[in-house]
Amino acid sequence: MTWFSLFFLISLLICLASLGYHLLFLLRSGQTPDFAPPSGNIRAGILYSFTGAMSPVKKESAFLHLPTYAAGMVYHLGTFISILLIFLLWADVVFPIALSLGIAAFLLASASCGTGILIKRSVKRNLRALSNPDDYISNTLVTVFQLLTALTLAFGSVFTPWLFVAAGLLLLYIPMGKLKHLLYFFAARCQLGLFFGRRGVWPPHKNQTP
């Protein structure tokens, strides 16, 4: 095993152990009794929480800034693809040239979206006032990770050590910063769906404002 593969593996184990701790904390914290009698469908509420409630038309921060919302969706998709690819590359999976170049082109686009979001955060006074170093570090680590994944797919093993180092640094940072929302996002959406589904608020009925 190469030194950069070992670094990636150690970082992955540390990240999983830390996220496991956060998961246990979430499970324990969420076990609070709700004494109100149920009046809705919990499963339907959770399903709506991950589907209809995520629609940009239901979120003011999204429908008022649709280009940024679309860039964020592309950026997140690029992150998911890069995470999948790092494990495939670690397992020495070889991709057809056309597929590699196609994915690399998309990841370059998603990394560009991340760069654009970072620039917007830096130049917009109201966004800059709400930001802290964690916002900039998280964006930079993810964008560099996507960029190096694209370069590795396009140009081969010359970029592989850099990719695994970037992936390892990203994994080590995830539990420390805002990137751990990859765990808290699902917990929060489940909690919202459970609460509003149990109360019969989600999914909304006809002529009901969600």
C-alpha atoms as a PDB file:
ATOM      1  CA  MET A   1       0.000   0.000   0.000  1.00  0.00           C
ATOM      2  CA  THR A   2       1.354   3.433  -0.950  1.00  0.00           C
ATOM      3  CA  TRP A   3       1.857   6.113   1.677  1.00  0.00           C
ATOM      4  CA  PHE A   4      -0.943   8.276   0.257  1.00  0.00           C
ATOM      5  CA  SER A   5      -3.382   5.341   0.204  1.00  0.00           C
ATOM      6  CA  LEU A   6      -2.479   4.626   3.833  1.00  0.00           C
ATOM      7  CA  PHE A   7      -3.008   8.282   4.732  1.00  0.00           C
ATOM      8  CA  PHE A   8      -6.418   8.162   3.059  1.00  0.00           C
ATOM      9  CA  LEU A   9      -7.360   4.969   4.930  1.00  0.00           C
ATOM     10  CA  ILE A  10      -6.308   6.335   8.327  1.00  0.00           C
ATOM     11  CA  SER A  11      -8.195   9.581   7.659  1.00  0.00           C
ATOM     12  CA  LEU A  12     -11.279   7.609   6.656  1.00  0.00           C
ATOM     13  CA  LEU A  13     -11.225   5.556   9.873  1.00  0.00           C
ATOM     14  CA  ILE A  14     -10.816   8.681  12.015  1.00  0.00           C
ATOM     15  CA  CYS A  15     -13.663  10.381  10.159  1.00  0.00           C
ATOM     16  CA  LEU A  16     -16.013   7.397  10.510  1.00  0.00           C
ATOM     17  CA  ALA A  17     -15.214   7.021  14.210  1.00  0.00           C
ATOM     18  CA  SER A  18     -15.937  10.705  14.843  1.00  0.00           C
ATOM     19  CA  LEU A  19     -19.150  10.690  12.810  1.00  0.00           C
ATOM     20  CA  GLY A  20     -20.196   7.548  14.669  1.00  0.00           C
ATOM     21  CA  TYR A  21     -19.847   9.483  17.923  1.00  0.00           C
ATOM     22  CA  HIS A  22     -21.986  12.302  16.507  1.00  0.00           C
ATOM     23  CA  LEU A  23     -24.584   9.763  15.369  1.00  0.00           C
ATOM     24  CA  LEU A  24     -24.830   8.263  18.856  1.00  0.00           C
ATOM     25  CA  PHE A  25     -25.210  11.771  20.267  1.00  0.00           C
ATOM     26  CA  LEU A  26     -28.031  12.493  17.815  1.00  0.00           C
ATOM     27  CA  LEU A  27     -29.850   9.250  18.593  1.00  0.00           C
ATOM     28  CA  ARG A  28     -29.677   9.885  22.327  1.00  0.00           C
ATOM     29  CA  SER A  29     -30.690  13.535  22.014  1.00  0.00           C
ATOM     30  CA  GLY A  30     -33.669  12.691  19.804  1.00  0.00           C
ATOM     31  CA  GLN A  31     -35.301  10.352  22.305  1.00  0.00           C
ATOM     32  CA  THR A  32     -37.562  12.953  23.883  1.00  0.00           C
ATOM     33  CA  PRO A  33     -41.203  12.042  24.563  1.00  0.00           C
ATOM     34  CA  ASP A  34     -43.991  13.730  22.610  1.00  0.00           C
ATOM     35  CA  PHE A  35     -47.135  13.650  24.731  1.00  0.00           C
ATOM     36  CA  ALA A  36     -49.432  15.070  22.045  1.00  0.00           C
ATOM     37  CA  PRO A  37     -51.610  12.363  20.444  1.00  0.00           C
ATOM     38  CA  PRO A  38     -50.538  11.570  16.851  1.00  0.00           C
ATOM     39  CA  SER A  39     -52.822  12.916  14.155  1.00  0.00           C
ATOM     40  CA  GLY A  40     -50.862  12.151  10.987  1.00  0.00           C
ATOM     41  CA  ASN A  41     -48.616   9.745   9.126  1.00  0.00           C
ATOM     42  CA  ILE A  42     -44.980   9.811  10.280  1.00  0.00           C
ATOM     43  CA  ARG A  43     -43.584   7.954   7.258  1.00  0.00           C
ATOM     44  CA  ALA A  44     -45.412  10.263   4.858  1.00  0.00           C
ATOM     45  CA  GLY A  45     -44.083  13.258   6.784  1.00  0.00           C
ATOM     46  CA  ILE A  46     -40.482  12.029   6.569  1.00  0.00           C
ATOM     47  CA  LEU A  47     -40.860  11.265   2.856  1.00  0.00           C
ATOM     48  CA  TYR A  48     -42.227  14.770   2.232  1.00  0.00           C
ATOM     49  CA  SER A  49     -39.372  16.245   4.264  1.00  0.00           C
ATOM     50  CA  PHE A  50     -36.873  14.828   1.753  1.00  0.00           C
ATOM     51  CA  THR A  51     -38.950  15.547  -1.363  1.00  0.00           C
ATOM     52  CA  GLY A  52     -41.605  18.269  -1.580  1.00  0.00           C
ATOM     53  CA  ALA A  53     -40.280  20.262   1.359  1.00  0.00           C
ATOM     54  CA  MET A  54     -36.894  20.466  -0.379  1.00  0.00           C
ATOM     55  CA  SER A  55     -38.352  22.080  -3.496  1.00  0.00           C
ATOM     56  CA  PRO A  56     -36.904  25.544  -4.163  1.00  0.00           C
ATOM     57  CA  VAL A  57     -40.419  26.997  -4.383  1.00  0.00           C
ATOM     58  CA  LYS A  58     -40.893  26.056  -0.715  1.00  0.00           C
ATOM     59  CA  LYS A  59     -37.665  27.746   0.403  1.00  0.00           C
ATOM     60  CA  GLU A  60     -37.348  31.520   0.288  1.00  0.00           C
ATOM     61  CA  SER A  61     -33.558  31.341   0.345  1.00  0.00           C
ATOM     62  CA  ALA A  62     -33.749  29.190  -2.804  1.00  0.00           C
ATOM     63  CA  PHE A  63     -36.437  30.724  -5.036  1.00  0.00           C
ATOM     64  CA  LEU A  64     -35.047  34.212  -4.525  1.00  0.00           C
ATOM     65  CA  HIS A  65     -31.586  33.037  -5.623  1.00  0.00           C
ATOM     66  CA  LEU A  66     -32.218  30.331  -8.210  1.00  0.00           C
ATOM     67  CA  PRO A  67     -28.819  30.585 -10.007  1.00  0.00           C
ATOM     68  CA  THR A  68     -26.994  30.077  -6.707  1.00  0.00           C
ATOM     69  CA  TYR A  69     -29.381  27.268  -5.777  1.00  0.00           C
ATOM     70  CA  ALA A  70     -28.709  25.529  -9.106  1.00  0.00           C
ATOM     71  CA  ALA A  71     -24.950  26.005  -8.682  1.00  0.00           C
ATOM     72  CA  GLY A  72     -25.200  24.526  -5.189  1.00  0.00           C
ATOM     73  CA  MET A  73     -27.044  21.478  -6.485  1.00  0.00           C
ATOM     74  CA  VAL A  74     -24.386  20.888  -9.167  1.00  0.00           C
ATOM     75  CA  TYR A  75     -21.664  21.438  -6.564  1.00  0.00           C
ATOM     76  CA  HIS A  76     -23.175  18.885  -4.172  1.00  0.00           C
ATOM     77  CA  LEU A  77     -23.657  16.371  -6.982  1.00  0.00           C
ATOM     78  CA  GLY A  78     -20.009  16.801  -7.910  1.00  0.00           C
ATOM     79  CA  THR A  79     -19.071  16.105  -4.290  1.00  0.00           C
ATOM     80  CA  PHE A  80     -21.105  12.888  -4.175  1.00  0.00           C
ATOM     81  CA  ILE A  81     -19.582  11.711  -7.466  1.00  0.00           C
ATOM     82  CA  SER A  82     -16.064  12.526  -6.253  1.00  0.00           C
ATOM     83  CA  ILE A  83     -16.597  10.601  -3.013  1.00  0.00           C
ATOM     84  CA  LEU A  84     -17.762   7.556  -4.966  1.00  0.00           C
ATOM     85  CA  LEU A  85     -14.832   7.860  -7.369  1.00  0.00           C
ATOM     86  CA  ILE A  86     -12.176   8.087  -4.659  1.00  0.00           C
ATOM     87  CA  PHE A  87     -13.184   4.660  -3.377  1.00  0.00           C
ATOM     88  CA  LEU A  88     -13.244   3.226  -6.895  1.00  0.00           C
ATOM     89  CA  LEU A  89      -9.833   4.695  -7.639  1.00  0.00           C
ATOM     90  CA  TRP A  90      -8.548   3.366  -4.318  1.00  0.00           C
ATOM     91  CA  ALA A  91      -9.698  -0.073  -5.472  1.00  0.00           C
ATOM     92  CA  ASP A  92      -7.785   0.427  -8.757  1.00  0.00           C
ATOM     93  CA  VAL A  93     -10.936   0.431 -10.895  1.00  0.00           C
ATOM     94  CA  VAL A  94     -10.140   1.509 -14.457  1.00  0.00           C
ATOM     95  CA  PHE A  95     -12.673   3.569 -16.419  1.00  0.00           C
ATOM     96  CA  PRO A  96     -13.096   3.838 -20.196  1.00  0.00           C
ATOM     97  CA  ILE A  97     -11.406   6.960 -21.552  1.00  0.00           C
ATOM     98  CA  ALA A  98     -14.633   8.501 -22.823  1.00  0.00           C
ATOM     99  CA  LEU A  99     -16.352   7.996 -19.451  1.00  0.00           C
ATOM    100  CA  SER A 100     -13.362   9.387 -17.544  1.00  0.00           C
ATOM    101  CA  LEU A 101     -13.257  12.509 -19.692  1.00  0.00           C
ATOM    102  CA  GLY A 102     -17.017  13.006 -19.445  1.00  0.00           C
ATOM    103  CA  ILE A 103     -16.990  12.773 -15.643  1.00  0.00           C
ATOM    104  CA  ALA A 104     -13.896  14.984 -15.491  1.00  0.00           C
ATOM    105  CA  ALA A 105     -15.684  17.656 -17.537  1.00  0.00           C
ATOM    106  CA  PHE A 106     -18.662  17.594 -15.179  1.00  0.00           C
ATOM    107  CA  LEU A 107     -16.414  17.793 -12.112  1.00  0.00           C
ATOM    108  CA  LEU A 108     -14.622  20.781 -13.608  1.00  0.00           C
ATOM    109  CA  ALA A 109     -18.037  22.416 -13.977  1.00  0.00           C
ATOM    110  CA  SER A 110     -19.044  21.526 -10.405  1.00  0.00           C
ATOM    111  CA  ALA A 111     -15.717  22.810  -9.055  1.00  0.00           C
ATOM    112  CA  SER A 112     -16.342  26.029 -10.981  1.00  0.00           C
ATOM    113  CA  CYS A 113     -19.731  26.298  -9.272  1.00  0.00           C
ATOM    114  CA  GLY A 114     -18.020  25.899  -5.907  1.00  0.00           C
ATOM    115  CA  THR A 115     -15.512  28.585  -6.826  1.00  0.00           C
ATOM    116  CA  GLY A 116     -18.318  30.899  -7.891  1.00  0.00           C
ATOM    117  CA  ILE A 117     -20.148  30.343  -4.604  1.00  0.00           C
ATOM    118  CA  LEU A 118     -16.937  31.090  -2.702  1.00  0.00           C
ATOM    119  CA  ILE A 119     -16.385  34.302  -4.671  1.00  0.00           C
ATOM    120  CA  LYS A 120     -19.983  35.385  -4.044  1.00  0.00           C
ATOM    121  CA  ARG A 121     -19.521  34.765  -0.322  1.00  0.00           C
ATOM    122  CA  SER A 122     -16.344  36.856  -0.390  1.00  0.00           C
ATOM    123  CA  VAL A 123     -17.649  39.870  -2.312  1.00  0.00           C
ATOM    124  CA  LYS A 124     -21.237  40.134  -1.027  1.00  0.00           C
ATOM    125  CA  ARG A 125     -21.176  42.243   2.129  1.00  0.00           C
ATOM    126  CA  ASN A 126     -24.164  40.538   3.780  1.00  0.00           C
ATOM    127  CA  LEU A 127     -22.807  37.049   3.073  1.00  0.00           C
ATOM    128  CA  ARG A 128     -19.326  38.025   4.189  1.00  0.00           C
ATOM    129  CA  ALA A 129     -20.730  39.307   7.482  1.00  0.00           C
ATOM    130  CA  LEU A 130     -22.407  35.939   8.118  1.00  0.00           C
ATOM    131  CA  SER A 131     -19.331  33.909   7.196  1.00  0.00           C
ATOM    132  CA  ASN A 132     -16.496  32.581   9.321  1.00  0.00           C
ATOM    133  CA  PRO A 133     -13.204  30.808   8.462  1.00  0.00           C
ATOM    134  CA  ASP A 134     -14.951  27.426   8.508  1.00  0.00           C
ATOM    135  CA  ASP A 135     -17.083  28.450   5.517  1.00  0.00           C
ATOM    136  CA  TYR A 136     -14.028  29.279   3.421  1.00  0.00           C
ATOM    137  CA  ILE A 137     -11.997  26.256   4.528  1.00  0.00           C
ATOM    138  CA  SER A 138     -14.863  23.835   3.852  1.00  0.00           C
ATOM    139  CA  ASN A 139     -15.531  25.240   0.397  1.00  0.00           C
ATOM    140  CA  THR A 140     -11.844  25.239  -0.530  1.00  0.00           C
ATOM    141  CA  LEU A 141     -11.249  21.642   0.598  1.00  0.00           C
ATOM    142  CA  VAL A 142     -14.273  20.320  -1.308  1.00  0.00           C
ATOM    143  CA  THR A 143     -13.497  22.332  -4.452  1.00  0.00           C
ATOM    144  CA  VAL A 144      -9.850  21.209  -4.512  1.00  0.00           C
ATOM    145  CA  PHE A 145     -11.012  17.621  -3.970  1.00  0.00           C
ATOM    146  CA  GLN A 146     -13.346  17.816  -6.974  1.00  0.00           C
ATOM    147  CA  LEU A 147     -10.705  19.508  -9.118  1.00  0.00           C
ATOM    148  CA  LEU A 148      -8.054  16.883  -8.331  1.00  0.00           C
ATOM    149  CA  THR A 149     -10.552  14.096  -9.007  1.00  0.00           C
ATOM    150  CA  ALA A 150     -11.196  15.610 -12.432  1.00  0.00           C
ATOM    151  CA  LEU A 151      -7.471  15.973 -13.154  1.00  0.00           C
ATOM    152  CA  THR A 152      -6.790  12.382 -12.083  1.00  0.00           C
ATOM    153  CA  LEU A 153      -9.512  11.093 -14.409  1.00  0.00           C
ATOM    154  CA  ALA A 154      -8.280  13.231 -17.285  1.00  0.00           C
ATOM    155  CA  PHE A 155      -4.502  12.890 -16.952  1.00  0.00           C
ATOM    156  CA  GLY A 156      -3.934   9.718 -14.976  1.00  0.00           C
ATOM    157  CA  SER A 157      -1.791   8.702 -12.041  1.00  0.00           C
ATOM    158  CA  VAL A 158       0.410  11.809 -11.962  1.00  0.00           C
ATOM    159  CA  PHE A 159      -2.302  13.488  -9.863  1.00  0.00           C
ATOM    160  CA  THR A 160      -3.254  10.417  -7.804  1.00  0.00           C
ATOM    161  CA  PRO A 161      -1.045  11.156  -4.740  1.00  0.00           C
ATOM    162  CA  TRP A 162      -2.357  14.719  -4.592  1.00  0.00           C
ATOM    163  CA  LEU A 163      -5.933  13.467  -4.857  1.00  0.00           C
ATOM    164  CA  PHE A 164      -5.584  11.029  -1.958  1.00  0.00           C
ATOM    165  CA  VAL A 165      -3.868  13.639   0.206  1.00  0.00           C
ATOM    166  CA  ALA A 166      -6.677  16.115  -0.539  1.00  0.00           C
ATOM    167  CA  ALA A 167      -9.283  13.436   0.194  1.00  0.00           C
ATOM    168  CA  GLY A 168      -7.549  12.554   3.473  1.00  0.00           C
ATOM    169  CA  LEU A 169      -7.426  16.195   4.588  1.00  0.00           C
ATOM    170  CA  LEU A 170     -11.091  16.578   3.691  1.00  0.00           C
ATOM    171  CA  LEU A 171     -12.018  13.485   5.715  1.00  0.00           C
ATOM    172  CA  LEU A 172     -10.082  14.742   8.725  1.00  0.00           C
ATOM    173  CA  TYR A 173     -11.816  18.118   8.543  1.00  0.00           C
ATOM    174  CA  ILE A 174     -15.367  16.840   8.085  1.00  0.00           C
ATOM    175  CA  PRO A 175     -16.031  16.093  11.797  1.00  0.00           C
ATOM    176  CA  MET A 176     -14.531  19.413  12.897  1.00  0.00           C
ATOM    177  CA  GLY A 177     -16.400  21.856  10.694  1.00  0.00           C
ATOM    178  CA  LYS A 178     -19.664  22.544   8.931  1.00  0.00           C
ATOM    179  CA  LEU A 179     -19.083  19.637   6.558  1.00  0.00           C
ATOM    180  CA  LYS A 180     -20.435  17.271   9.192  1.00  0.00           C
ATOM    181  CA  HIS A 181     -23.830  18.476   8.000  1.00  0.00           C
ATOM    182  CA  LEU A 182     -23.591  15.434   5.705  1.00  0.00           C
ATOM    183  CA  LEU A 183     -24.767  13.614   8.847  1.00  0.00           C
ATOM    184  CA  TYR A 184     -26.811  16.336  10.544  1.00  0.00           C
ATOM    185  CA  PHE A 185     -28.732  17.111   7.337  1.00  0.00           C
ATOM    186  CA  PHE A 186     -30.358  13.680   7.303  1.00  0.00           C
ATOM    187  CA  ALA A 187     -30.964  13.771  11.046  1.00  0.00           C
ATOM    188  CA  ALA A 188     -32.608  17.192  10.813  1.00  0.00           C
ATOM    189  CA  ARG A 189     -34.831  16.241   7.867  1.00  0.00           C
ATOM    190  CA  CYS A 190     -35.913  13.034   9.633  1.00  0.00           C
ATOM    191  CA  GLN A 191     -36.705  14.978  12.816  1.00  0.00           C
ATOM    192  CA  LEU A 192     -38.725  17.563  10.912  1.00  0.00           C
ATOM    193  CA  GLY A 193     -40.623  14.883   8.999  1.00  0.00           C
ATOM    194  CA  LEU A 194     -41.303  12.905  12.172  1.00  0.00           C
ATOM    195  CA  PHE A 195     -42.543  15.944  14.096  1.00  0.00           C
ATOM    196  CA  PHE A 196     -44.699  17.526  11.385  1.00  0.00           C
ATOM    197  CA  GLY A 197     -45.837  14.154  10.048  1.00  0.00           C
ATOM    198  CA  ARG A 198     -46.989  13.082  13.520  1.00  0.00           C
ATOM    199  CA  ARG A 199     -48.859  16.374  13.899  1.00  0.00           C
ATOM    200  CA  GLY A 200     -50.540  15.933  10.505  1.00  0.00           C
ATOM    201  CA  VAL A 201     -48.915  19.073   9.063  1.00  0.00           C
ATOM    202  CA  TRP A 202     -46.711  17.270   6.523  1.00  0.00           C
ATOM    203  CA  PRO A 203     -47.427  16.363   3.803  1.00  0.00           C
ATOM    204  CA  PRO A 204     -49.686  19.414   3.399  1.00  0.00           C
ATOM    205  CA  HIS A 205     -53.302  18.864   2.506  1.00  0.00           C
ATOM    206  CA  LYS A 206     -54.992  20.565  -0.414  1.00  0.00           C
ATOM    207  CA  ASN A 207     -55.509  24.306   0.077  1.00  0.00           C
ATOM    208  CA  GLN A 208     -53.002  24.174   2.944  1.00  0.00           C
ATOM    209  CA  THR A 209     -49.860  26.273   2.952  1.00  0.00           C
ATOM    210  CA  PRO A 210     -46.845  23.959   3.601  1.00  0.00           C
END
